[in-house]
Amino acid sequence: MTSTLRLPALATEQSPGKILYQFAVDGKQLDRFAAVSRIHRNSEQRVQGYQRPEARKHIRAIQKYIESESPMIPNGIVIAFDARVTFEPADAATGHIGFGHLSIPLDQSDLPGWIVDGQQRTAAVREAEVPEFNILATAFITDSAAEQREQFILVNSTKPLPKSLIHELLPGTDTLLPPALARRKISTALLEELNRDPASPFHWRIQTPTNPDGVIKDNSVLKMLDNSITDGYLYMYRDPIDGSGDLSAMAGVVNAYWSAVQRVFPAEWYSVPRRSRLVHGAGIVAMGYLMDAIADRLHPDGTGDTERYEIELRRISGDCRWMRGEWQLPNGERRQWNHFQNIGRDIQALADHILALYRGSIDNE
């Protein structure tokens, strides 16, 4: 038989239908009813969960403080409960708003709560050499994993959190996001599509929190996609009103072009950034600008044709120095292949040179 924990709580309706429950609880008791949802991929390779790995150094610092003489942690944690948790108002006349008790089933085989914010603090309390330590908590009740994920993103978007983790969670989020995150949602969804598609040249080659073995940095691919979606060829597939886009059409263009890159520069493509600037941030972003230029030239019938992209890329392939040798820039400067860094001025210099080579090859036809 499952036992139940009853905790005094204050219920507050923050917006219509959105009720928050605030209470205090011994942090040593949290693992009886709440767990951490680690970000991972399921058997279908889809993103599940949302929390990053524990930061052990940070946890030890909090633990040491809790074990000090007079510790105080005023900021509360956030917990998402499923519908098995109920609120019993002390005064039935007030409905579900006001003072009452939360009834939390203690089912160890299927915990009813997930920690949305505060995993480092709760881990520190759990491991601290103290008999008990009360912490404040704010909870909401929902059976929606998407709502849990949305609250996690909103809570952490203003804190130092790995951007790659936020980016990997964005495609599965339907809530209203801050403008900067909303603008990036379409490119993160496209990146996810490229990474998961077995037919894509990027298939599991993009490094993300759930794919640490990828060799191409996710932020480099996102910059390339953002540039095209904002000001390049992929913009035509974006809805300027709501910011959504035709991901299938975008993926078709990107996969066709980069499959041609893979064919024209096979050794460079299947290398790693420290040995090949093609899969380095500078090369990925610079070649993204060339993608836009070639797609514009092939528009509309050839933008999904890898062979036609390959023909265009071979115009400049003999002048590219991705793994050895020197680039000969228009101003007479000679740059070693590995002297282009992932910084704005270097990326722009490389992109300008590649575009000049391409346009020059067309003018000389």
Protein backbone atom coordinates (compact mmCIF):
# COMPACT_ATOMS: atom_id res chain seq x y z
CA MET A 1 0.00 0.00 0.00
CA THR A 2 1.38 3.42 -0.96
CA SER A 3 1.75 5.84 1.96
CA THR A 4 0.99 9.54 1.65
CA LEU A 5 2.89 12.61 2.82
CA ARG A 6 0.72 15.60 3.84
CA LEU A 7 2.42 18.99 3.84
CA PRO A 8 0.97 22.39 4.78
CA ALA A 9 0.90 24.53 1.64
CA LEU A 10 -0.33 27.81 0.26
CA ALA A 11 -2.13 27.71 -3.10
CA THR A 12 -1.99 30.79 -5.35
CA GLU A 13 -3.68 31.19 -8.72
CA GLN A 14 -1.13 33.09 -10.81
CA SER A 15 -3.17 33.13 -14.02
CA PRO A 16 -6.43 31.42 -15.03
CA GLY A 17 -6.02 27.71 -14.40
CA LYS A 18 -2.37 28.06 -13.34
CA ILE A 19 -2.05 27.33 -9.62
CA LEU A 20 1.22 27.35 -7.68
CA TYR A 21 1.70 25.56 -4.35
CA GLN A 22 4.29 26.83 -1.90
CA PHE A 23 5.52 24.79 1.03
CA ALA A 24 8.54 23.88 3.14
CA VAL A 25 9.98 20.39 3.39
CA ASP A 26 13.02 18.69 4.84
CA GLY A 27 15.43 18.41 1.92
CA LYS A 28 16.45 14.98 3.17
CA GLN A 29 12.92 13.78 2.34
CA LEU A 30 12.80 15.03 -1.25
CA ASP A 31 13.97 11.81 -2.86
CA ARG A 32 10.92 10.09 -1.38
CA PHE A 33 8.67 11.88 -3.86
CA ALA A 34 10.75 13.83 -6.43
CA ALA A 35 13.52 12.92 -8.86
CA VAL A 36 15.67 14.63 -11.48
CA SER A 37 14.77 14.15 -15.14
CA ARG A 38 18.15 13.77 -16.86
CA ILE A 39 18.34 14.81 -20.51
CA HIS A 40 18.88 11.75 -22.74
CA ARG A 41 17.63 10.11 -25.90
CA ASN A 42 15.17 7.24 -25.89
CA SER A 43 15.24 4.11 -28.05
CA GLU A 44 13.86 6.18 -30.95
CA GLN A 45 16.69 8.71 -30.51
CA ARG A 46 14.31 11.47 -29.41
CA VAL A 47 15.24 13.89 -26.64
CA GLN A 48 13.74 13.00 -23.26
CA GLY A 49 14.11 14.75 -19.91
CA TYR A 50 15.70 18.15 -19.49
CA GLN A 51 18.22 18.39 -16.65
CA ARG A 52 21.96 18.66 -17.21
CA PRO A 53 24.40 16.36 -15.32
CA GLU A 54 25.18 17.27 -11.72
CA ALA A 55 27.91 19.89 -11.27
CA ARG A 56 29.91 18.15 -8.57
CA LYS A 57 32.13 21.12 -7.71
CA HIS A 58 29.08 23.35 -7.28
CA ILE A 59 27.32 20.72 -5.16
CA ARG A 60 30.32 20.33 -2.86
CA ALA A 61 30.47 24.10 -2.33
CA ILE A 62 26.77 24.24 -1.33
CA GLN A 63 27.19 21.15 0.84
CA LYS A 64 30.08 22.76 2.72
CA TYR A 65 27.95 25.84 3.34
CA ILE A 66 25.00 23.77 4.61
CA GLU A 67 27.35 22.06 7.05
CA SER A 68 28.51 25.44 8.39
CA GLU A 69 27.26 26.97 11.65
CA SER A 70 24.28 29.05 10.46
CA PRO A 71 23.39 28.32 6.84
CA MET A 72 20.42 29.88 5.07
CA ILE A 73 19.21 29.24 1.50
CA PRO A 74 16.28 31.62 0.85
CA ASN A 75 15.69 30.80 -2.82
CA GLY A 76 13.32 27.90 -3.28
CA ILE A 77 13.33 24.96 -5.64
CA VAL A 78 10.67 24.23 -8.27
CA ILE A 79 8.89 20.87 -8.49
CA ALA A 80 6.48 19.55 -11.11
CA PHE A 81 3.95 17.06 -9.71
CA ASP A 82 1.73 14.77 -11.72
CA ALA A 83 -2.01 14.55 -11.14
CA ARG A 84 -1.66 12.00 -8.33
CA VAL A 85 -0.76 14.91 -6.04
CA THR A 86 -3.82 16.75 -4.73
CA PHE A 87 -4.47 19.90 -2.71
CA GLU A 88 -6.97 19.90 0.15
CA PRO A 89 -8.01 23.45 1.12
CA ALA A 90 -8.43 24.13 4.83
CA ASP A 91 -11.53 26.17 4.09
CA ALA A 92 -13.79 24.63 1.46
CA ALA A 93 -15.38 28.03 0.85
CA THR A 94 -12.15 29.35 -0.67
CA GLY A 95 -12.05 26.60 -3.30
CA HIS A 96 -8.54 25.55 -4.26
CA ILE A 97 -6.95 28.90 -3.38
CA GLY A 98 -5.49 29.69 0.03
CA PHE A 99 -4.07 27.62 2.85
CA GLY A 100 -4.41 23.83 2.91
CA HIS A 101 -2.43 20.61 2.56
CA LEU A 102 -0.74 18.85 -0.34
CA SER A 103 -1.21 15.08 -0.38
CA ILE A 104 1.79 13.43 -2.03
CA PRO A 105 1.84 9.65 -2.63
CA LEU A 106 5.18 8.06 -1.73
CA ASP A 107 5.40 5.48 -4.50
CA GLN A 108 9.10 4.59 -4.88
CA SER A 109 8.45 2.66 -8.07
CA ASP A 110 6.97 5.74 -9.76
CA LEU A 111 7.73 9.06 -8.06
CA PRO A 112 5.06 11.73 -8.61
CA GLY A 113 7.46 14.70 -8.72
CA TRP A 114 10.27 16.03 -10.90
CA ILE A 115 12.72 18.75 -9.86
CA VAL A 116 12.49 21.50 -12.46
CA ASP A 117 14.91 23.90 -10.79
CA GLY A 118 17.27 23.37 -7.84
CA GLN A 119 18.89 20.02 -8.54
CA GLN A 120 22.32 21.17 -7.29
CA ARG A 121 20.85 22.49 -4.03
CA THR A 122 18.81 19.35 -3.42
CA ALA A 123 21.82 17.14 -4.10
CA ALA A 124 23.88 19.20 -1.66
CA VAL A 125 21.22 18.86 1.05
CA ARG A 126 20.98 15.13 0.40
CA GLU A 127 24.73 14.66 0.84
CA ALA A 128 25.31 17.14 3.67
CA GLU A 129 26.30 15.75 7.08
CA VAL A 130 23.32 17.30 8.84
CA PRO A 131 20.26 15.52 10.33
CA GLU A 132 17.78 17.74 8.42
CA PHE A 133 17.59 20.95 6.42
CA ASN A 134 14.29 22.56 5.51
CA ILE A 135 14.03 24.14 2.09
CA LEU A 136 11.32 26.17 0.39
CA ALA A 137 9.58 24.79 -2.67
CA THR A 138 7.15 26.00 -5.29
CA ALA A 139 5.22 23.33 -7.16
CA PHE A 140 2.73 23.01 -9.98
CA ILE A 141 0.64 20.02 -10.99
CA THR A 142 0.65 18.77 -14.57
CA ASP A 143 0.75 15.49 -16.48
CA SER A 144 2.42 17.25 -19.43
CA ALA A 145 6.15 16.56 -19.92
CA ALA A 146 6.18 19.47 -22.37
CA GLU A 147 5.01 21.89 -19.66
CA GLN A 148 7.74 20.64 -17.31
CA ARG A 149 10.32 21.23 -20.06
CA GLU A 150 8.92 24.68 -20.84
CA GLN A 151 9.19 25.76 -17.20
CA PHE A 152 12.75 24.43 -17.02
CA ILE A 153 13.78 26.51 -20.04
CA LEU A 154 12.06 29.66 -18.79
CA VAL A 155 13.53 29.33 -15.29
CA ASN A 156 17.06 28.73 -16.56
CA SER A 157 17.22 30.96 -19.64
CA THR A 158 18.46 33.89 -17.53
CA LYS A 159 20.99 31.82 -15.58
CA PRO A 160 24.41 30.47 -16.58
CA LEU A 161 23.26 27.30 -18.31
CA PRO A 162 24.98 25.58 -21.25
CA LYS A 163 23.48 27.06 -24.39
CA SER A 164 23.72 23.72 -26.17
CA LEU A 165 21.38 22.19 -23.58
CA ILE A 166 18.83 24.99 -24.06
CA HIS A 167 19.14 24.62 -27.85
CA GLU A 168 18.54 20.88 -27.76
CA LEU A 169 15.37 21.35 -25.72
CA LEU A 170 13.88 24.15 -27.82
CA PRO A 171 12.38 22.03 -30.66
CA GLY A 172 10.03 20.27 -28.23
CA THR A 173 8.85 23.49 -26.59
CA ASP A 174 5.53 25.12 -27.50
CA THR A 175 5.31 27.85 -24.88
CA LEU A 176 5.84 31.58 -25.45
CA LEU A 177 9.61 32.10 -25.31
CA PRO A 178 11.83 35.18 -24.91
CA PRO A 179 12.47 36.72 -28.38
CA ALA A 180 16.08 35.53 -28.62
CA LEU A 181 15.07 31.92 -27.93
CA ALA A 182 11.99 32.14 -30.15
CA ARG A 183 14.13 33.24 -33.11
CA ARG A 184 16.43 30.29 -32.58
CA LYS A 185 13.72 27.67 -32.21
CA ILE A 186 13.42 27.02 -35.95
CA SER A 187 17.17 26.61 -36.44
CA THR A 188 17.45 24.26 -33.46
CA ALA A 189 14.58 22.18 -34.86
CA LEU A 190 16.36 22.05 -38.22
CA LEU A 191 19.62 21.03 -36.53
CA GLU A 192 17.79 18.23 -34.73
CA GLU A 193 16.35 17.05 -38.04
CA LEU A 194 19.79 17.06 -39.71
CA ASN A 195 21.39 15.18 -36.83
CA ARG A 196 18.73 12.46 -36.65
CA ASP A 197 18.24 11.88 -40.41
CA PRO A 198 20.25 8.83 -41.58
CA ALA A 199 20.28 10.28 -45.11
CA SER A 200 21.86 13.57 -43.98
CA PRO A 201 25.62 14.15 -44.19
CA PHE A 202 25.29 15.57 -40.66
CA HIS A 203 23.82 12.31 -39.30
CA TRP A 204 25.06 12.16 -35.68
CA ARG A 205 28.08 14.28 -36.62
CA ILE A 206 26.82 17.34 -34.71
CA GLN A 207 27.98 17.45 -31.10
CA THR A 208 25.15 18.06 -28.61
CA PRO A 209 24.62 17.18 -24.92
CA THR A 210 22.96 13.91 -25.97
CA ASN A 211 25.45 13.25 -28.77
CA PRO A 212 28.85 14.08 -27.21
CA ASP A 213 30.69 11.99 -29.82
CA GLY A 214 29.74 14.36 -32.64
CA VAL A 215 32.72 16.20 -34.14
CA ILE A 216 31.03 19.35 -35.50
CA LYS A 217 30.07 21.87 -32.82
CA ASP A 218 26.33 22.48 -32.61
CA ASN A 219 26.85 26.23 -32.28
CA SER A 220 28.75 26.31 -35.59
CA VAL A 221 25.89 24.59 -37.41
CA LEU A 222 23.35 26.86 -35.70
CA LYS A 223 25.24 29.97 -36.84
CA MET A 224 25.26 28.66 -40.40
CA LEU A 225 21.53 27.90 -40.29
CA ASP A 226 20.65 31.17 -38.53
CA ASN A 227 22.49 33.18 -41.17
CA SER A 228 20.60 31.50 -44.00
CA ILE A 229 17.20 31.58 -42.29
CA THR A 230 17.58 35.24 -41.33
CA ASP A 231 19.22 36.72 -44.44
CA GLY A 232 19.97 33.89 -46.86
CA TYR A 233 18.30 31.38 -49.12
CA LEU A 234 16.38 29.55 -46.38
CA TYR A 235 14.53 32.76 -45.51
CA MET A 236 11.99 32.02 -48.26
CA TYR A 237 10.82 28.96 -46.29
CA ARG A 238 10.17 30.98 -43.12
CA ASP A 239 6.86 32.55 -42.13
CA PRO A 240 7.69 36.21 -41.32
CA ILE A 241 4.54 36.50 -39.19
CA ASP A 242 4.95 33.73 -36.63
CA GLY A 243 8.57 32.73 -37.27
CA SER A 244 7.72 29.14 -38.17
CA GLY A 245 9.11 27.48 -41.25
CA ASP A 246 8.94 24.58 -43.68
CA LEU A 247 11.56 22.36 -42.03
CA SER A 248 11.25 19.67 -44.68
CA ALA A 249 12.02 22.13 -47.48
CA MET A 250 14.88 23.67 -45.52
CA ALA A 251 16.37 20.27 -44.74
CA GLY A 252 16.14 19.33 -48.42
CA VAL A 253 18.29 22.31 -49.45
CA VAL A 254 20.81 21.90 -46.62
CA ASN A 255 21.22 18.16 -47.10
CA ALA A 256 21.62 18.46 -50.88
CA TYR A 257 24.30 21.14 -50.57
CA TRP A 258 26.29 19.55 -47.74
CA SER A 259 26.08 16.13 -49.39
CA ALA A 260 27.86 17.76 -52.32
CA VAL A 261 30.42 19.24 -49.90
CA GLN A 262 30.92 15.73 -48.54
CA ARG A 263 31.54 14.40 -52.08
CA VAL A 264 33.89 17.17 -53.19
CA PHE A 265 35.92 17.22 -49.96
CA PRO A 266 35.60 13.67 -48.54
CA ALA A 267 38.85 13.55 -46.54
CA GLU A 268 38.24 17.01 -45.13
CA TRP A 269 34.61 16.23 -44.26
CA TYR A 270 35.35 13.02 -42.40
CA SER A 271 38.15 14.58 -40.35
CA VAL A 272 37.97 16.54 -37.10
CA PRO A 273 38.16 20.33 -36.54
CA ARG A 274 41.77 20.41 -35.37
CA ARG A 275 42.85 18.73 -38.62
CA SER A 276 40.33 20.15 -41.06
CA ARG A 277 39.02 23.69 -41.15
CA LEU A 278 36.06 22.48 -43.23
CA VAL A 279 34.39 20.97 -40.14
CA HIS A 280 35.71 23.74 -37.90
CA GLY A 281 33.43 26.62 -36.96
CA ALA A 282 35.12 28.94 -39.46
CA GLY A 283 34.62 26.51 -42.35
CA ILE A 284 31.04 25.53 -41.52
CA VAL A 285 29.85 29.14 -41.28
CA ALA A 286 31.84 30.34 -44.30
CA MET A 287 30.61 27.48 -46.48
CA GLY A 288 27.09 28.31 -45.35
CA TYR A 289 27.36 31.66 -47.11
CA LEU A 290 28.44 29.80 -50.25
CA MET A 291 25.39 27.54 -49.88
CA ASP A 292 23.18 30.62 -50.11
CA ALA A 293 25.02 31.92 -53.17
CA ILE A 294 24.83 28.62 -55.05
CA ALA A 295 21.20 28.01 -54.07
CA ASP A 296 20.30 31.44 -55.42
CA ARG A 297 22.00 30.52 -58.70
CA LEU A 298 20.24 27.15 -58.92
CA HIS A 299 16.83 28.48 -57.86
CA PRO A 300 14.22 27.13 -58.15
CA ASP A 301 14.69 23.73 -59.81
CA GLY A 302 18.19 22.76 -58.69
CA THR A 303 18.24 23.54 -54.98
CA GLY A 304 17.55 19.93 -54.02
CA ASP A 305 19.97 18.41 -56.56
CA THR A 306 23.25 17.27 -54.99
CA GLU A 307 24.89 16.70 -58.37
CA ARG A 308 24.28 20.28 -59.44
CA TYR A 309 25.72 21.58 -56.17
CA GLU A 310 28.73 19.34 -56.74
CA ILE A 311 29.35 20.87 -60.18
CA GLU A 312 29.24 24.36 -58.65
CA LEU A 313 31.54 23.44 -55.76
CA ARG A 314 34.18 22.03 -58.08
CA ARG A 315 34.61 25.54 -59.46
CA ILE A 316 36.54 26.44 -56.30
CA SER A 317 37.70 23.09 -54.91
CA GLY A 318 41.21 23.44 -56.35
CA ASP A 319 41.74 26.71 -54.45
CA CYS A 320 40.60 25.47 -51.02
CA ARG A 321 43.14 24.66 -48.34
CA TRP A 322 41.18 22.94 -45.60
CA MET A 323 43.87 20.59 -44.25
CA ARG A 324 47.23 21.82 -45.56
CA GLY A 325 48.88 24.61 -47.49
CA GLU A 326 48.07 28.31 -47.67
CA TRP A 327 45.05 30.33 -48.73
CA GLN A 328 45.97 33.14 -51.12
CA LEU A 329 43.63 36.01 -50.25
CA PRO A 330 42.71 38.77 -52.74
CA ASN A 331 44.72 41.40 -50.83
CA GLY A 332 47.89 39.38 -51.35
CA GLU A 333 47.88 37.97 -47.82
CA ARG A 334 48.84 34.32 -47.46
CA ARG A 335 47.18 32.47 -44.57
CA GLN A 336 48.11 29.02 -43.34
CA TRP A 337 45.15 26.61 -43.50
CA ASN A 338 44.89 26.40 -39.69
CA HIS A 339 45.24 30.13 -39.02
CA PHE A 340 41.52 30.81 -39.49
CA GLN A 341 39.92 30.84 -36.05
CA ASN A 342 36.28 30.68 -35.01
CA ILE A 343 36.00 34.46 -34.55
CA GLY A 344 33.96 36.95 -36.53
CA ARG A 345 36.71 38.65 -38.53
CA ASP A 346 38.35 35.35 -39.56
CA ILE A 347 35.03 33.79 -40.56
CA GLN A 348 34.13 36.86 -42.59
CA ALA A 349 37.55 36.93 -44.30
CA LEU A 350 37.26 33.25 -45.24
CA ALA A 351 33.66 33.62 -46.42
CA ASP A 352 34.49 36.70 -48.52
CA HIS A 353 37.40 34.87 -50.16
CA ILE A 354 35.35 31.75 -50.96
CA LEU A 355 32.51 33.84 -52.38
CA ALA A 356 35.00 35.85 -54.47
CA LEU A 357 36.46 32.63 -55.87
CA TYR A 358 33.00 31.36 -56.78
CA ARG A 359 31.80 34.58 -58.38
CA GLY A 360 35.08 34.93 -60.24
CA SER A 361 34.70 31.45 -61.69
CA ILE A 362 31.26 32.41 -63.02
CA ASP A 363 32.51 35.71 -64.51
CA ASN A 364 35.31 33.86 -66.30
CA GLU A 365 32.98 31.38 -68.02
